Protein backbone atom coordinates (compact mmCIF):
# COMPACT_ATOMS: atom_id res chain seq x y z
CA UNK A 1 144.29 119.46 76.98
CA UNK A 2 143.24 118.23 80.25
CA UNK A 3 140.80 115.04 80.79
CA UNK A 4 137.82 115.64 82.94
CA UNK A 5 139.97 113.31 85.67
CA UNK A 6 142.86 115.12 85.43
CA UNK A 7 141.06 118.62 85.51
CA UNK A 8 139.31 117.45 88.45
CA UNK A 9 142.65 116.42 90.04
CA UNK A 10 143.76 119.82 89.37
CA UNK A 11 141.11 121.38 91.09
CA UNK A 12 141.95 118.91 94.13
CA UNK A 13 145.34 120.19 94.83
CA UNK A 14 144.64 123.64 94.13
CA UNK A 15 141.54 123.05 97.13
CA UNK A 16 144.30 121.13 99.70
CA UNK A 17 147.18 124.23 98.58
CA UNK A 18 144.34 126.62 99.45
CA UNK A 19 143.60 124.90 103.08
CA UNK A 20 146.74 124.08 103.75
CA UNK A 21 148.10 128.19 103.41
CA UNK A 22 145.47 128.95 105.23
CA UNK A 23 146.88 127.46 107.93
CA UNK A 24 150.68 128.65 107.09
CA UNK A 25 151.84 125.17 105.25
CA UNK A 26 153.44 124.99 102.15
CA UNK A 27 154.11 121.31 100.69
CA UNK A 28 156.51 122.62 97.77
CA UNK A 29 155.76 119.21 96.16
CA UNK A 30 152.22 118.81 95.94
CA UNK A 31 150.96 118.07 92.94
CA UNK A 32 149.46 115.25 90.31
CA UNK A 33 151.51 111.81 90.33
CA UNK A 34 152.09 112.26 86.72
CA UNK A 35 153.06 108.54 86.97
CA UNK A 36 149.59 107.55 87.18
CA UNK A 37 148.48 109.26 84.19
CA UNK A 38 151.07 107.13 82.03
CA UNK A 39 148.95 104.81 82.76
CA UNK A 40 146.61 103.25 80.06
CA UNK A 41 143.71 103.52 81.82
CA UNK A 42 144.03 105.84 85.27
CA UNK A 43 140.94 105.16 86.64
CA UNK A 44 141.90 107.50 89.64
CA UNK A 45 144.32 110.08 89.71
CA UNK A 46 146.94 110.04 92.52
CA UNK A 47 147.95 113.74 94.10
CA UNK A 48 151.60 113.48 95.21
CA UNK A 49 151.94 115.23 98.69
CA UNK A 50 155.80 114.40 98.79
CA UNK A 51 158.19 115.28 101.17
CA UNK A 52 158.24 117.92 104.23
CA UNK A 53 160.74 118.72 106.85
CA UNK A 54 159.54 117.81 110.42
CA UNK A 55 158.69 121.71 111.39
CA UNK A 56 155.78 121.02 108.50
CA UNK A 57 154.96 117.87 109.76
CA UNK A 58 154.20 118.99 113.25
CA UNK A 59 152.39 122.01 112.01
CA UNK A 60 150.43 119.56 109.90
CA UNK A 61 149.71 117.66 112.59
CA UNK A 62 148.64 120.48 114.58
CA UNK A 63 146.25 121.54 112.14
CA UNK A 64 145.05 118.48 111.76
CA UNK A 65 144.36 117.67 115.61
CA UNK A 66 142.81 121.65 116.18
CA UNK A 67 139.99 120.73 113.12
CA UNK A 68 139.07 117.37 114.63
CA UNK A 69 138.35 118.92 117.77
């Protein structure tokens, strides 16, 4: 059973995954930072953005710059 914080974090991950996909960007290791949930009292769940290659980094940077205009 998911806690409310975990459910909200899952929803945020999926929202980010969808927004990135709209720009043709995939972060394979995007997900919840599980050690954050292992703490006694996870106040703020962490999202693991993970590693990405140079092409993905450039695409992400370009998408962020374009949307900032």
